[in-house]
Amino acid sequence: MLDNLTSLALSSLSSAAPLALAALGALATEEAGSLSISIEGSMIVGAFAAAMAAQAGSGLASGLVAGAMAGLGLSCLVGGAALVLGADVFVAGLAANILAPGLVSILSQAAFGTKGVLASESLRSGPWSIIVALSLLCLLLILFLTRSVFGLRLRASGSVESRASGEEVAQAAGISSRRYRLSAHLIAGAAAGIAGASLAAGVGAYVPGMTTGRGWIALVAVFLGRRRAWPVLLSCLIFGFLIALANLGQSLWNWGVGGGNAVELLQALPYIATAIALIAWRRIEKAKEESV
């Protein structure tokens, strides 16, 4: 029993750490008055870039850097399309999420002759190494967003309700809100890319579909955490626990005849909780709007 509890705690932290980093990156765009829909896509390209870097014998640090660059690149496309070309940020983000797996498949086929698993044993790292690395990055990102001049100006460009008002506030303070929104998108992409790279490091390979919707869960964690850093982290811990519980339950129980349905239900637990949390948050927000 103690071993199971220890395994559950470790798995919870391992699952929560990438979610937390991706969610904090998305929080940066929320504070800037924009929206980072492409978190899922950035995690996918980040995981693949880390595996590619590991093909050259690189370790965890190089894999995380490669993941950050790949996620930043994809997010740069989204931010540029939305803020420079005037595209709808939601549509641009969805397009990036659709583009990412297709782009990875093409690159994998061209460079390695496979569209499937890209094994990179040199990337594999123990769970504690990943947890510590991502925890430090989360702490640095929180301090950067909440205690730096950049973070203050980021909030000044997007902390009011309407975008027009945000522009007026930013201009009065001598701030280019568009530049800070683009910077926020780059931060979100890099953070999500590192989160994706950590997933690849956990198994020592890039596996198609390995993000399994974690980017969307990270976005829900931002809303569930009321767009505040520490509550967002708490939300990610809860989701991490649910993911770990589903994984542990699947490995512990032999369901026998008809057990497949139970296993599938258990695997769906984090996503069911995500949907419930999103619906509850939306109803609370709607009630507040009606009470004003």
Protein backbone atom coordinates (compact mmCIF):
# COMPACT_ATOMS: atom_id res chain seq x y z
CA MET A 1 0.00 0.00 0.00
CA LEU A 2 2.79 2.42 0.91
CA ASP A 3 4.54 1.69 -2.38
CA ASN A 4 1.33 2.41 -4.25
CA LEU A 5 0.87 5.72 -2.43
CA THR A 6 4.49 6.69 -3.11
CA SER A 7 4.08 5.77 -6.77
CA LEU A 8 0.85 7.77 -6.95
CA ALA A 9 2.49 10.85 -5.40
CA LEU A 10 5.48 10.68 -7.74
CA SER A 11 3.27 10.11 -10.78
CA SER A 12 1.04 13.03 -9.74
CA LEU A 13 4.00 15.40 -9.60
CA SER A 14 5.36 14.06 -12.90
CA SER A 15 2.00 14.64 -14.57
CA ALA A 16 1.38 18.02 -12.95
CA ALA A 17 4.79 19.58 -13.72
CA PRO A 18 4.39 19.82 -17.53
CA LEU A 19 0.79 20.99 -17.09
CA ALA A 20 1.89 23.70 -14.68
CA LEU A 21 4.59 25.08 -16.97
CA ALA A 22 2.27 25.08 -20.01
CA ALA A 23 -0.53 26.69 -17.96
CA LEU A 24 1.75 29.46 -16.67
CA GLY A 25 2.79 30.19 -20.23
CA ALA A 26 -0.88 30.44 -21.21
CA LEU A 27 -1.43 32.68 -18.19
CA ALA A 28 1.07 35.15 -19.68
CA THR A 29 -1.11 35.59 -22.76
CA GLU A 30 -4.23 35.92 -20.60
CA GLU A 31 -2.59 38.72 -18.63
CA ALA A 32 -1.70 40.43 -21.90
CA GLY A 33 -5.32 40.37 -23.01
CA SER A 34 -4.86 37.67 -25.65
CA LEU A 35 -5.50 33.93 -25.80
CA SER A 36 -3.05 31.06 -26.31
CA ILE A 37 -5.00 28.28 -28.02
CA SER A 38 -1.92 26.68 -29.60
CA ILE A 39 -0.55 25.20 -26.36
CA GLU A 40 -1.33 21.65 -27.52
CA GLY A 41 0.45 22.16 -30.82
CA SER A 42 3.49 23.70 -29.14
CA MET A 43 3.73 20.71 -26.81
CA ILE A 44 3.65 18.33 -29.79
CA VAL A 45 6.42 20.08 -31.73
CA GLY A 46 8.39 20.52 -28.50
CA ALA A 47 8.30 16.79 -27.79
CA PHE A 48 9.41 15.97 -31.33
CA ALA A 49 12.20 18.58 -31.33
CA ALA A 50 13.54 17.17 -28.07
CA ALA A 51 13.63 13.68 -29.58
CA MET A 52 15.37 15.02 -32.67
CA ALA A 53 17.99 16.77 -30.55
CA ALA A 54 18.55 13.56 -28.61
CA GLN A 55 19.34 11.74 -31.86
CA ALA A 56 22.61 13.67 -31.78
CA GLY A 57 23.34 12.34 -28.30
CA SER A 58 22.01 15.33 -26.38
CA GLY A 59 20.65 14.99 -22.87
CA LEU A 60 17.77 16.52 -20.95
CA ALA A 61 19.02 20.12 -20.99
CA SER A 62 19.55 20.19 -24.76
CA GLY A 63 16.21 18.48 -25.30
CA LEU A 64 14.41 21.11 -23.23
CA VAL A 65 16.13 23.91 -25.15
CA ALA A 66 15.20 22.33 -28.49
CA GLY A 67 11.62 21.92 -27.29
CA ALA A 68 11.49 25.55 -26.22
CA MET A 69 12.72 26.74 -29.62
CA ALA A 70 10.20 24.58 -31.50
CA GLY A 71 7.28 25.70 -29.32
CA LEU A 72 8.38 29.31 -29.60
CA GLY A 73 8.53 29.03 -33.39
CA LEU A 74 4.99 27.69 -33.68
CA SER A 75 3.67 30.30 -31.25
CA CYS A 76 5.45 33.00 -33.23
CA LEU A 77 3.40 32.00 -36.28
CA VAL A 78 0.19 32.24 -34.26
CA GLY A 79 1.09 35.56 -32.65
CA GLY A 80 2.24 37.02 -35.95
CA ALA A 81 -0.93 35.92 -37.73
CA ALA A 82 -3.15 37.36 -35.00
CA LEU A 83 -1.34 40.56 -34.08
CA VAL A 84 0.36 41.51 -37.34
CA LEU A 85 -1.94 40.11 -40.03
CA GLY A 86 -5.14 40.64 -38.04
CA ALA A 87 -6.28 37.00 -38.06
CA ASP A 88 -8.62 35.75 -35.34
CA VAL A 89 -6.37 34.46 -32.56
CA PHE A 90 -8.70 31.54 -31.81
CA VAL A 91 -8.73 30.38 -35.44
CA ALA A 92 -4.96 30.85 -35.75
CA GLY A 93 -4.40 28.78 -32.61
CA LEU A 94 -6.65 25.97 -33.82
CA ALA A 95 -4.86 25.98 -37.17
CA ALA A 96 -1.52 25.61 -35.36
CA ASN A 97 -2.86 22.66 -33.35
CA ILE A 98 -3.92 20.98 -36.58
CA LEU A 99 -0.65 21.86 -38.33
CA ALA A 100 1.65 20.55 -35.59
CA PRO A 101 1.06 16.76 -35.87
CA GLY A 102 1.05 16.92 -39.66
CA LEU A 103 4.29 18.90 -39.73
CA VAL A 104 5.92 16.50 -37.28
CA SER A 105 4.84 13.52 -39.38
CA ILE A 106 6.35 15.04 -42.53
CA LEU A 107 9.64 15.93 -40.82
CA SER A 108 9.88 12.53 -39.17
CA GLN A 109 9.34 10.75 -42.47
CA ALA A 110 11.85 12.95 -44.28
CA ALA A 111 14.60 12.81 -41.63
CA PHE A 112 14.18 9.36 -40.07
CA GLY A 113 11.95 7.39 -42.41
CA THR A 114 9.21 6.90 -39.84
CA LYS A 115 5.92 8.54 -38.98
CA GLY A 116 5.64 6.68 -35.70
CA VAL A 117 7.77 6.42 -32.57
CA LEU A 118 11.11 8.22 -32.59
CA ALA A 119 13.16 6.60 -29.83
CA SER A 120 15.91 8.66 -28.19
CA GLU A 121 17.32 6.86 -25.19
CA SER A 122 19.87 9.59 -24.51
CA LEU A 123 16.94 11.91 -23.77
CA ARG A 124 15.43 9.63 -21.13
CA SER A 125 15.62 11.14 -17.66
CA GLY A 126 14.38 10.10 -14.25
CA PRO A 127 11.11 11.60 -13.00
CA TRP A 128 12.80 13.59 -10.25
CA SER A 129 15.15 15.29 -12.73
CA ILE A 130 12.17 16.41 -14.80
CA ILE A 131 10.13 17.47 -11.76
CA VAL A 132 12.96 19.56 -10.32
CA ALA A 133 13.81 21.17 -13.67
CA LEU A 134 10.20 22.08 -14.45
CA SER A 135 9.53 23.25 -10.88
CA LEU A 136 12.45 25.67 -11.07
CA LEU A 137 11.24 26.93 -14.44
CA CYS A 138 7.72 27.40 -13.05
CA LEU A 139 9.07 29.40 -10.11
CA LEU A 140 11.20 31.58 -12.38
CA LEU A 141 8.25 32.19 -14.69
CA ILE A 142 5.99 33.15 -11.78
CA LEU A 143 8.58 35.61 -10.46
CA PHE A 144 9.08 37.00 -13.96
CA LEU A 145 5.37 37.54 -14.49
CA THR A 146 4.56 38.90 -11.04
CA ARG A 147 7.72 40.68 -9.83
CA SER A 148 9.37 42.13 -12.92
CA VAL A 149 8.83 45.36 -14.81
CA PHE A 150 7.96 43.27 -17.86
CA GLY A 151 5.18 41.51 -15.95
CA LEU A 152 3.79 44.82 -14.75
CA ARG A 153 3.72 46.22 -18.27
CA LEU A 154 2.23 42.98 -19.55
CA ARG A 155 -0.69 43.33 -17.17
CA ALA A 156 -1.01 47.03 -18.00
CA SER A 157 -1.53 46.13 -21.66
CA GLY A 158 -4.25 43.60 -20.99
CA SER A 159 -5.66 43.84 -17.47
CA VAL A 160 -8.73 45.86 -18.39
CA GLU A 161 -11.87 44.34 -19.81
CA SER A 162 -11.86 45.60 -23.42
CA ARG A 163 -9.00 45.55 -25.89
CA ALA A 164 -9.64 49.19 -26.85
CA SER A 165 -9.31 50.29 -23.24
CA GLY A 166 -6.21 48.19 -22.93
CA GLU A 167 -4.64 50.02 -25.86
CA GLU A 168 -5.48 53.37 -24.26
CA VAL A 169 -3.98 52.37 -20.92
CA ALA A 170 -0.86 51.03 -22.59
CA GLN A 171 -0.41 54.12 -24.74
CA ALA A 172 -0.83 56.39 -21.72
CA ALA A 173 2.00 54.49 -20.04
CA GLY A 174 4.16 54.60 -23.16
CA ILE A 175 3.83 50.85 -23.74
CA SER A 176 3.36 49.02 -27.04
CA SER A 177 0.60 46.57 -26.10
CA ARG A 178 0.99 44.70 -29.39
CA ARG A 179 4.65 44.04 -28.66
CA TYR A 180 3.87 42.75 -25.19
CA ARG A 181 1.08 40.52 -26.47
CA LEU A 182 3.43 39.03 -29.04
CA SER A 183 6.04 38.54 -26.31
CA ALA A 184 3.42 36.75 -24.20
CA HIS A 185 2.68 34.39 -27.10
CA LEU A 186 6.37 33.62 -27.42
CA ILE A 187 6.62 32.91 -23.69
CA ALA A 188 3.60 30.61 -23.88
CA GLY A 189 5.02 28.75 -26.87
CA ALA A 190 8.43 28.26 -25.27
CA ALA A 191 6.90 27.07 -22.00
CA ALA A 192 4.61 24.63 -23.79
CA GLY A 193 7.51 23.40 -25.93
CA ILE A 194 9.54 22.63 -22.80
CA ALA A 195 6.52 20.88 -21.29
CA GLY A 196 6.24 18.71 -24.41
CA ALA A 197 9.97 17.99 -24.33
CA SER A 198 9.65 16.80 -20.75
CA LEU A 199 6.99 14.30 -21.83
CA ALA A 200 9.40 12.88 -24.40
CA ALA A 201 12.18 12.81 -21.80
CA GLY A 202 9.97 10.81 -19.46
CA VAL A 203 9.73 7.89 -21.89
CA GLY A 204 12.88 8.46 -23.92
CA ALA A 205 10.99 8.89 -27.19
CA TYR A 206 8.56 10.93 -29.18
CA VAL A 207 5.28 9.07 -29.57
CA PRO A 208 2.47 10.41 -31.81
CA GLY A 209 -0.41 11.59 -29.66
CA MET A 210 1.66 11.55 -26.47
CA THR A 211 0.30 14.92 -25.31
CA THR A 212 -3.24 13.42 -25.17
CA GLY A 213 -4.96 16.77 -24.75
CA ARG A 214 -2.70 18.09 -22.00
CA GLY A 215 -2.50 21.46 -23.73
CA TRP A 216 -6.26 21.84 -23.46
CA ILE A 217 -6.17 20.75 -19.82
CA ALA A 218 -3.54 23.44 -19.16
CA LEU A 219 -5.86 26.07 -20.65
CA VAL A 220 -8.72 24.91 -18.43
CA ALA A 221 -6.38 25.11 -15.42
CA VAL A 222 -5.80 28.80 -16.19
CA PHE A 223 -9.53 29.54 -16.07
CA LEU A 224 -10.12 27.27 -13.08
CA GLY A 225 -7.29 29.05 -11.24
CA ARG A 226 -9.02 32.41 -11.82
CA ARG A 227 -6.04 33.58 -13.91
CA ARG A 228 -3.80 33.77 -10.85
CA ALA A 229 -0.46 31.97 -10.72
CA TRP A 230 -0.70 29.99 -7.48
CA PRO A 231 -4.33 28.87 -7.93
CA VAL A 232 -3.38 27.82 -11.47
CA LEU A 233 -0.61 25.68 -10.01
CA LEU A 234 -3.07 24.13 -7.57
CA SER A 235 -5.43 23.32 -10.44
CA CYS A 236 -2.58 21.62 -12.29
CA LEU A 237 -1.78 19.52 -9.21
CA ILE A 238 -5.40 18.36 -9.09
CA PHE A 239 -5.38 17.43 -12.77
CA GLY A 240 -1.99 15.77 -12.35
CA PHE A 241 -3.38 13.67 -9.51
CA LEU A 242 -6.35 12.60 -11.65
CA ILE A 243 -4.06 11.60 -14.53
CA ALA A 244 -1.82 9.65 -12.15
CA LEU A 245 -4.82 8.00 -10.52
CA ALA A 246 -6.07 6.85 -13.93
CA ASN A 247 -2.65 5.45 -14.84
CA LEU A 248 -2.18 3.71 -11.50
CA GLY A 249 -5.67 2.25 -11.50
CA GLN A 250 -5.18 0.83 -14.96
CA SER A 251 -1.98 -0.94 -13.87
CA LEU A 252 -3.35 -2.25 -10.56
CA TRP A 253 -6.66 -3.83 -11.39
CA ASN A 254 -7.42 -6.81 -13.57
CA TRP A 255 -10.96 -6.10 -14.65
CA GLY A 256 -11.64 -9.49 -16.24
CA VAL A 257 -14.56 -9.97 -18.62
CA GLY A 258 -16.20 -6.65 -19.48
CA GLY A 259 -13.43 -4.78 -17.66
CA GLY A 260 -12.42 -2.90 -20.77
CA ASN A 261 -15.25 -0.42 -20.28
CA ALA A 262 -14.13 0.27 -16.72
CA VAL A 263 -10.55 0.82 -17.83
CA GLU A 264 -11.67 3.23 -20.55
CA LEU A 265 -13.83 5.11 -18.04
CA LEU A 266 -10.89 5.39 -15.66
CA GLN A 267 -8.63 6.68 -18.42
CA ALA A 268 -11.25 9.29 -19.29
CA LEU A 269 -11.42 10.55 -15.69
CA PRO A 270 -9.05 13.55 -16.15
CA TYR A 271 -10.92 14.69 -19.25
CA ILE A 272 -14.34 14.26 -17.66
CA ALA A 273 -13.10 16.37 -14.74
CA THR A 274 -11.77 18.95 -17.22
CA ALA A 275 -15.14 19.22 -18.95
CA ILE A 276 -16.99 19.51 -15.63
CA ALA A 277 -14.57 22.19 -14.41
CA LEU A 278 -14.95 24.18 -17.61
CA ILE A 279 -18.75 24.04 -17.47
CA ALA A 280 -18.74 25.05 -13.80
CA TRP A 281 -16.38 27.95 -14.47
CA ARG A 282 -18.50 29.19 -17.36
CA ARG A 283 -21.68 29.11 -15.26
CA ILE A 284 -19.98 31.03 -12.46
CA GLU A 285 -18.74 33.65 -14.92
CA LYS A 286 -22.19 33.95 -16.48
CA ALA A 287 -23.80 34.39 -13.06
CA LYS A 288 -21.35 37.18 -12.26
CA GLU A 289 -22.07 38.92 -15.55
CA GLU A 290 -25.82 38.77 -14.89
CA SER A 291 -25.41 40.13 -11.35
CA VAL A 292 -23.53 43.21 -12.54
